[in-house]
Amino acid sequence: MGKIFGWGRLGVDGRETFSEDLAKVTRGANLSRGLGRSYGDSSLPAVSTDSVINTTLANRVLSLDEESLVIRVEAGASLVELNKLLIPRGLFSPVTPGTKFVTVGGMVASDVHGKNHHREGCFGEHVRAMKIRLADDSIVECTPTVMPDLFYGTIGGMGLLGHILEVEFELRRIPSQWIWMESERVDDIDSFVSALNTAAPKFPMTMGWIDCLNRGKRMGRGILMAGRWATADEAKSRAPYELPHITVPFELPNIALNAVTAQAFNSAYYWKHLARTKVGLVGPEPFFYPLDAILEWNKVYGPRGFTQYQCVIPRHAGPPAVRAFMELLTRLGGASPLCVIKDCGPEGKGTLSFPLEGTSIAVDMAVSPDIQRIVDQLNEFVIETGGRIYLTKDRFTTKEHFRRMEPRLDRFVSLRDKYDPRRRIRSAQSVRLLGD
């Protein structure tokens, strides 16, 4: 018993059970969770008496075929440990999110996407099979052809159709342990959208940091980063050094992150990239997971906590919609120095998978008395463009807004009616958005 937290530092009372035997402890349980990196309330219990299973002790690699490039793991296996196993063997996950501190079960439930979404889609596109405990306590194996409705409903389904016990997925062979990266300083949001479109055909991995506090002609200025795995001839002969981690030692006061300090950080980060363009080799850690070098960085937001608002603006809405979103965001205020823009490819097969073809913008925001108003207004804009928000990051979207932005919701609800009619498997988020 105690407090259970999401990454946004939202804590609720609950009881969390840790065990190596997921097949045993998930019997009768209400929710499974991994390393707690979802920002909002998707991995938090609906009520304090709900049984929450933490999967992180069930972290074994069950099989690895280096010829067929197929791996099967328990749901609690983390990306940080898998990378240590796979990268020296010349293998890598087909998709990785922006943190390595995630479990494979969480990657499925969120259907995570990465810098290569325009090429590889979401993680769920590469999953071959799952073992799941259903709400009636039966254990089933599902694939794209065996119980396909459960399979695709679980991908991006936020763990609401069953407890994920095991996952089998495809790997990618990599030519070296290094990334060839090109980075470019970009002047404004219009130039940034154009630069992303130019980089997408050339590079399998693209993303950018943008200044979401600056208004006027420099609105959306930032740093575009594009990369690919370096060839054996390009790579250094040694493996990348393991970077040291630092830990935020204590919770900062709320006042530490304010408009002045955030703007100062943005200016310093932008002009740190003095050259217009840079090219060179970097290791996977700083390229894929720059924030992971600072452990417990969420303490920077203080006791008030924070949320991340991540949406995708559809391609058909055009670059003017991206500019209009940034104008709204900067006008509303509340944003922090952490704002990421990415190019997304076509919509995946997961019933509630987040990305669709267009531009994704993710911004961290400290929780304040105005946060609900800000999220509501951003959601109204996104709904008008035909876009949607990422449930893994969400904490403040209303039930009404979610229904308006999600045309696939009825299909997902029908799956829950089939596999969990009594709604035994639930979360604080499912209560907020689905009325559990």
Foldseek 3Di string as FASTA:
>chain_A
DQWDAALLGDTDAADEDEDLCCLPQQVLAFAEAELRHQNAWLQFAQHRYGYYYYNQNNADWPDADPVQQKTKGWQNHFQVVVCVVAQVVQKHQPADAQARGGTNLVQQLQQDHAQQQQPRNGSLVFWAWWWWQFNVRDIDIDGCVRPVLLSLQNRNVSCQGTHTTMTMGGMDGAQHQKKKKKKFWFQELLRVVVVQVVCNVVASGKKWFFDLQDDDRRHGTTMIMGIDRDHPVQDDPDHDDDAAAAEPPAQDAQVQFDSVVQVVVLVCRSCVPVDRMDIDMDGPCCVRHVPRSYHSPQSPNGNQGKFKWKKFQAPVLDSVLVVVLSNLSNVLDQFGSGKMKHAHHDDDSRLNHADHGGMMMMTMGGDDPCVLVSVVVSLVSQLVRLMATRPSGDHRDALVSRPSNRPSVVVSVVSCCVRPVPSSHRISVCCRHVVD
